[in-house]
Amino acid sequence: METKTSEKTKDKWRTLTNRLVSSSRSGDILWKSTAEEACFVTSISGKTIVFARSSQTDNFPYKYVIFINDSAGKLVDSFDDEDLDRDHFVSGASYFKILDDFMDELIRKESGADEVLDELLLTLGPTANEASDF
């Protein structure tokens, strides 16, 4: 059952999501993986935020969910990419795409894949036909 959420609340969720992604990419927020697959947790000012890929939905094989817990661990709010995209369009990308890319970044960082690739590319150096973008 879908509950009615005000536009003001949705705007706050969108702003929070944008800031979480931006601050994480700049290294200001660090995420830790959990025992669950595709689930990460961080803490900000004593509040815990969980970012997870959830199972099957009606339209997509999965969706992205953000849970916010207060300092006592009580769930105080949650929303998903469908809430963010409903009645709103981000220029160039949906929130599903933004969060899908962000989840991939967190998974690759956790696995160390990008670090290994960067090291290999640096060791091999560019060929005569390519410029180094790394």
Protein backbone atom coordinates (compact mmCIF):
# COMPACT_ATOMS: atom_id res chain seq x y z
CA MET A 1 0.00 0.00 0.00
CA GLU A 2 1.37 3.35 -1.02
CA THR A 3 1.21 6.12 1.55
CA LYS A 4 0.84 9.77 0.64
CA THR A 5 4.03 11.74 1.15
CA SER A 6 4.28 15.52 0.89
CA GLU A 7 6.39 17.16 -1.78
CA LYS A 8 8.36 18.88 0.99
CA THR A 9 9.38 15.48 2.39
CA LYS A 10 10.23 14.14 -1.07
CA ASP A 11 12.38 17.22 -1.69
CA LYS A 12 14.22 16.56 1.58
CA TRP A 13 14.78 12.93 0.56
CA ARG A 14 16.12 14.03 -2.84
CA THR A 15 18.43 16.60 -1.23
CA LEU A 16 19.67 14.03 1.29
CA THR A 17 20.28 11.49 -1.48
CA ASN A 18 22.18 14.01 -3.60
CA ARG A 19 24.32 15.03 -0.63
CA LEU A 20 25.01 11.42 0.38
CA VAL A 21 26.16 10.52 -3.12
CA SER A 22 28.22 13.69 -3.56
CA SER A 23 29.84 13.54 -0.11
CA SER A 24 30.62 9.85 -0.57
CA ARG A 25 32.26 10.41 -3.94
CA SER A 26 34.40 13.19 -2.46
CA GLY A 27 35.48 10.89 0.39
CA ASP A 28 33.69 12.78 3.15
CA ILE A 29 31.37 9.85 3.92
CA LEU A 30 32.66 6.30 4.24
CA TRP A 31 30.39 3.29 3.83
CA LYS A 32 30.89 -0.21 5.23
CA SER A 33 29.44 -3.34 3.73
CA THR A 34 27.11 -5.47 5.80
CA ALA A 35 26.50 -9.23 5.85
CA GLU A 36 23.71 -8.65 3.34
CA GLU A 37 24.61 -8.51 -0.34
CA ALA A 38 24.51 -5.00 -1.86
CA CYS A 39 23.88 -3.36 1.51
CA PHE A 40 26.06 -0.61 2.99
CA VAL A 41 25.89 1.39 6.21
CA THR A 42 27.31 4.70 7.39
CA SER A 43 26.90 6.90 10.44
CA ILE A 44 26.45 10.66 10.41
CA SER A 45 26.05 12.66 13.63
CA GLY A 46 25.07 9.51 15.51
CA LYS A 47 22.37 8.59 13.00
CA THR A 48 22.75 5.41 10.97
CA ILE A 49 21.96 5.32 7.27
CA VAL A 50 21.55 2.04 5.42
CA PHE A 51 21.67 1.96 1.63
CA ALA A 52 20.51 -1.31 0.10
CA ARG A 53 19.42 -2.94 -3.12
CA SER A 54 16.11 -4.66 -2.42
CA SER A 55 14.50 -7.59 -4.18
CA GLN A 56 12.01 -7.72 -7.04
CA THR A 57 9.49 -4.94 -7.61
CA ASP A 58 6.61 -4.80 -10.07
CA ASN A 59 8.50 -2.91 -12.77
CA PHE A 60 12.18 -3.69 -12.15
CA PRO A 61 14.22 -6.64 -10.87
CA TYR A 62 15.19 -4.54 -7.85
CA LYS A 63 15.05 -1.06 -6.34
CA TYR A 64 17.24 0.99 -4.00
CA VAL A 65 16.17 1.78 -0.45
CA ILE A 66 17.56 4.19 2.14
CA PHE A 67 16.76 3.58 5.82
CA ILE A 68 17.45 6.23 8.47
CA ASN A 69 17.81 5.20 12.12
CA ASP A 70 18.09 7.58 15.06
CA SER A 71 20.90 7.40 17.62
CA ALA A 72 19.00 4.72 19.56
CA GLY A 73 18.78 2.54 16.43
CA LYS A 74 15.07 3.12 15.86
CA LEU A 75 13.95 3.34 12.24
CA VAL A 76 12.65 6.89 11.77
CA ASP A 77 12.36 7.13 7.99
CA SER A 78 12.83 5.18 4.79
CA PHE A 79 12.36 5.79 1.08
CA ASP A 80 13.32 4.25 -2.23
CA ASP A 81 14.26 5.34 -5.73
CA GLU A 82 10.63 5.06 -6.82
CA ASP A 83 9.65 7.64 -4.18
CA LEU A 84 12.38 9.96 -5.46
CA ASP A 85 11.47 9.55 -9.12
CA ARG A 86 7.71 9.79 -8.64
CA ASP A 87 6.46 13.11 -10.10
CA HIS A 88 10.05 14.33 -10.51
CA PHE A 89 12.69 14.13 -13.21
CA VAL A 90 16.38 14.84 -12.75
CA SER A 91 17.95 16.31 -15.83
CA GLY A 92 19.71 13.47 -17.60
CA ALA A 93 19.09 10.62 -15.14
CA SER A 94 16.52 9.06 -12.90
CA TYR A 95 17.24 8.48 -9.23
CA PHE A 96 17.18 4.76 -10.00
CA LYS A 97 20.13 5.29 -12.38
CA ILE A 98 21.94 7.59 -9.94
CA LEU A 99 21.59 5.07 -7.11
CA ASP A 100 22.36 2.11 -9.39
CA ASP A 101 25.65 3.76 -10.42
CA PHE A 102 26.39 4.67 -6.80
CA MET A 103 25.79 1.09 -5.61
CA ASP A 104 28.15 -0.18 -8.32
CA GLU A 105 30.80 2.31 -7.12
CA LEU A 106 30.45 1.14 -3.51
CA ILE A 107 30.67 -2.53 -4.49
CA ARG A 108 33.75 -1.94 -6.67
CA LYS A 109 35.44 0.11 -3.95
CA GLU A 110 34.72 -2.59 -1.37
CA SER A 111 36.12 -5.29 -3.66
CA GLY A 112 39.21 -3.26 -4.53
CA ALA A 113 38.59 -3.78 -8.26
CA ASP A 114 39.15 -0.16 -9.34
CA GLU A 115 42.32 0.16 -7.29
CA VAL A 116 43.76 -2.96 -8.95
CA LEU A 117 42.74 -1.75 -12.42
CA ASP A 118 44.31 1.67 -11.81
CA GLU A 119 47.52 0.03 -10.62
CA LEU A 120 47.68 -2.23 -13.69
CA LEU A 121 47.00 0.65 -16.07
CA LEU A 122 49.66 2.77 -14.40
CA THR A 123 52.18 -0.08 -14.56
CA LEU A 124 51.46 -0.80 -18.22
CA GLY A 125 51.38 2.87 -19.22
CA PRO A 126 49.58 4.24 -22.27
CA THR A 127 50.21 2.87 -25.73
CA ALA A 128 51.25 5.19 -28.55
CA ASN A 129 47.63 5.33 -29.76
CA GLU A 130 45.95 6.35 -26.51
CA ALA A 131 46.15 9.18 -24.06
CA SER A 132 46.27 8.37 -20.36
CA ASP A 133 43.07 9.42 -18.58
CA PHE A 134 43.97 7.73 -15.32
